[in-house]
């Protein structure tokens, strides 16, 4: 566990340990939960499909394409659970493959018209 006071910035880095330097790591989704086995019932989204959902979430420059750096303010769930668990989904793409998911950024789903 990592201990931090409420509202302090929590800095994270997700790194791919691989000898191929032509890869890129992209943070697609990060969700917090008080239950390490359930990230659906009582969850808080920081970023979903590359779209930032939490105003305290920030991404930071990394000198390595195989590492993604980001931060957000520490918080607790209302019922005062003793811990907050984080689950992130990362995407690995070829560096400079501009058609890949890593270069698309925020992807919001488009709702279809259910008219006649």
Protein backbone atom coordinates (compact mmCIF):
# COMPACT_ATOMS: atom_id res chain seq x y z
CA UNK A 1 0.00 0.00 0.00
CA UNK A 2 0.94 3.60 -0.55
CA UNK A 3 -0.17 6.11 2.08
CA UNK A 4 -1.05 9.68 1.16
CA UNK A 5 -3.10 12.47 2.73
CA UNK A 6 -6.39 13.58 1.20
CA UNK A 7 -6.16 16.12 -1.63
CA UNK A 8 -2.43 15.59 -2.11
CA UNK A 9 -1.30 14.88 -5.64
CA UNK A 10 -0.61 11.22 -6.29
CA UNK A 11 1.91 10.78 -9.11
CA UNK A 12 2.03 7.51 -11.04
CA UNK A 13 4.00 6.01 -13.87
CA UNK A 14 3.05 2.97 -15.90
CA UNK A 15 6.04 1.60 -17.77
CA UNK A 16 6.44 -1.16 -20.30
CA UNK A 17 9.60 -3.18 -19.68
CA UNK A 18 10.59 -4.24 -23.16
CA UNK A 19 13.69 -3.82 -25.30
CA UNK A 20 11.59 -2.52 -28.23
CA UNK A 21 11.83 1.28 -28.01
CA UNK A 22 9.38 1.72 -30.90
CA UNK A 23 6.40 1.16 -28.62
CA UNK A 24 4.11 3.73 -27.03
CA UNK A 25 2.06 3.42 -23.83
CA UNK A 26 -1.32 5.17 -23.64
CA UNK A 27 -3.54 5.45 -20.54
CA UNK A 28 -7.03 4.57 -21.78
CA UNK A 29 -9.04 4.11 -18.57
CA UNK A 30 -8.40 4.47 -14.82
CA UNK A 31 -11.05 3.68 -12.22
CA UNK A 32 -10.90 3.76 -8.41
CA UNK A 33 -12.91 1.56 -6.05
CA UNK A 34 -13.04 0.77 -2.32
CA UNK A 35 -13.21 -2.93 -3.26
CA UNK A 36 -10.22 -4.46 -5.08
CA UNK A 37 -12.50 -7.09 -6.67
CA UNK A 38 -15.34 -4.81 -7.82
CA UNK A 39 -14.68 -1.82 -10.06
CA UNK A 40 -18.32 -1.47 -11.15
CA UNK A 41 -20.64 -1.14 -8.11
CA UNK A 42 -19.02 1.79 -6.33
CA UNK A 43 -16.41 3.16 -8.70
CA UNK A 44 -14.97 6.54 -9.55
CA UNK A 45 -13.60 7.20 -13.04
CA UNK A 46 -10.56 9.40 -13.58
CA UNK A 47 -10.28 8.74 -17.28
CA UNK A 48 -12.48 6.61 -19.59
CA UNK A 49 -11.64 5.83 -23.24
CA UNK A 50 -8.95 8.52 -23.12
CA UNK A 51 -11.47 11.16 -21.93
CA UNK A 52 -10.60 12.87 -18.65
CA UNK A 53 -13.48 12.61 -16.15
CA UNK A 54 -11.79 14.05 -13.04
CA UNK A 55 -10.65 17.70 -13.08
CA UNK A 56 -7.61 16.89 -10.93
CA UNK A 57 -6.30 14.28 -13.42
CA UNK A 58 -3.25 15.39 -15.39
CA UNK A 59 -0.92 13.59 -17.73
CA UNK A 60 2.77 14.46 -17.73
CA UNK A 61 5.58 14.30 -20.23
CA UNK A 62 7.76 11.22 -20.13
CA UNK A 63 11.12 11.10 -21.91
CA UNK A 64 10.34 7.48 -22.75
CA UNK A 65 7.50 6.50 -25.08
CA UNK A 66 7.23 3.21 -23.17
CA UNK A 67 6.12 5.03 -19.99
CA UNK A 68 2.98 7.02 -19.23
CA UNK A 69 3.02 9.50 -16.34
CA UNK A 70 -0.09 10.92 -14.71
CA UNK A 71 -1.40 12.31 -11.43
CA UNK A 72 -4.62 13.07 -9.57
CA UNK A 73 -5.70 14.31 -6.14
CA UNK A 74 -6.05 11.65 -3.47
CA UNK A 75 -9.58 11.16 -2.15
CA UNK A 76 -11.65 8.76 -0.07
CA UNK A 77 -15.09 7.29 -0.67
CA UNK A 78 -17.94 8.81 1.38
CA UNK A 79 -18.45 5.74 3.57
CA UNK A 80 -14.87 6.14 4.81
CA UNK A 81 -13.47 2.92 3.43
CA UNK A 82 -9.91 2.45 4.69
CA UNK A 83 -8.42 2.03 1.19
CA UNK A 84 -8.89 3.09 -2.38
CA UNK A 85 -7.84 0.71 -5.16
CA UNK A 86 -6.90 1.80 -8.65
CA UNK A 87 -7.35 -0.19 -11.85
CA UNK A 88 -6.01 1.17 -15.13
CA UNK A 89 -6.24 -0.09 -18.68
CA UNK A 90 -3.28 0.76 -20.86
CA UNK A 91 -2.84 0.41 -24.59
CA UNK A 92 0.48 -0.39 -26.25
CA UNK A 93 0.97 0.75 -29.85
CA UNK A 94 3.74 1.18 -32.38
CA UNK A 95 5.44 4.55 -32.05
CA UNK A 96 4.42 6.91 -34.90
CA UNK A 97 1.51 4.68 -35.97
CA UNK A 98 -0.94 7.57 -36.11
CA UNK A 99 -3.86 5.30 -37.01
CA UNK A 100 -3.48 3.37 -33.72
CA UNK A 101 -5.59 3.83 -30.59
CA UNK A 102 -2.69 5.59 -28.82
CA UNK A 103 -2.94 8.59 -31.14
CA UNK A 104 -6.75 8.91 -31.11
CA UNK A 105 -6.95 10.54 -27.67
CA UNK A 106 -10.45 10.91 -26.21
CA UNK A 107 -12.94 8.62 -27.93
CA UNK A 108 -16.53 9.21 -26.90
CA UNK A 109 -19.26 6.90 -28.07
CA UNK A 110 -21.76 8.39 -30.48
CA UNK A 111 -25.37 7.60 -29.61
CA UNK A 112 -27.44 6.32 -32.48
CA UNK A 113 -30.82 7.77 -33.34
CA UNK A 114 -33.60 5.36 -32.34
CA UNK A 115 -36.25 7.18 -34.36
CA UNK A 116 -38.48 5.50 -36.92
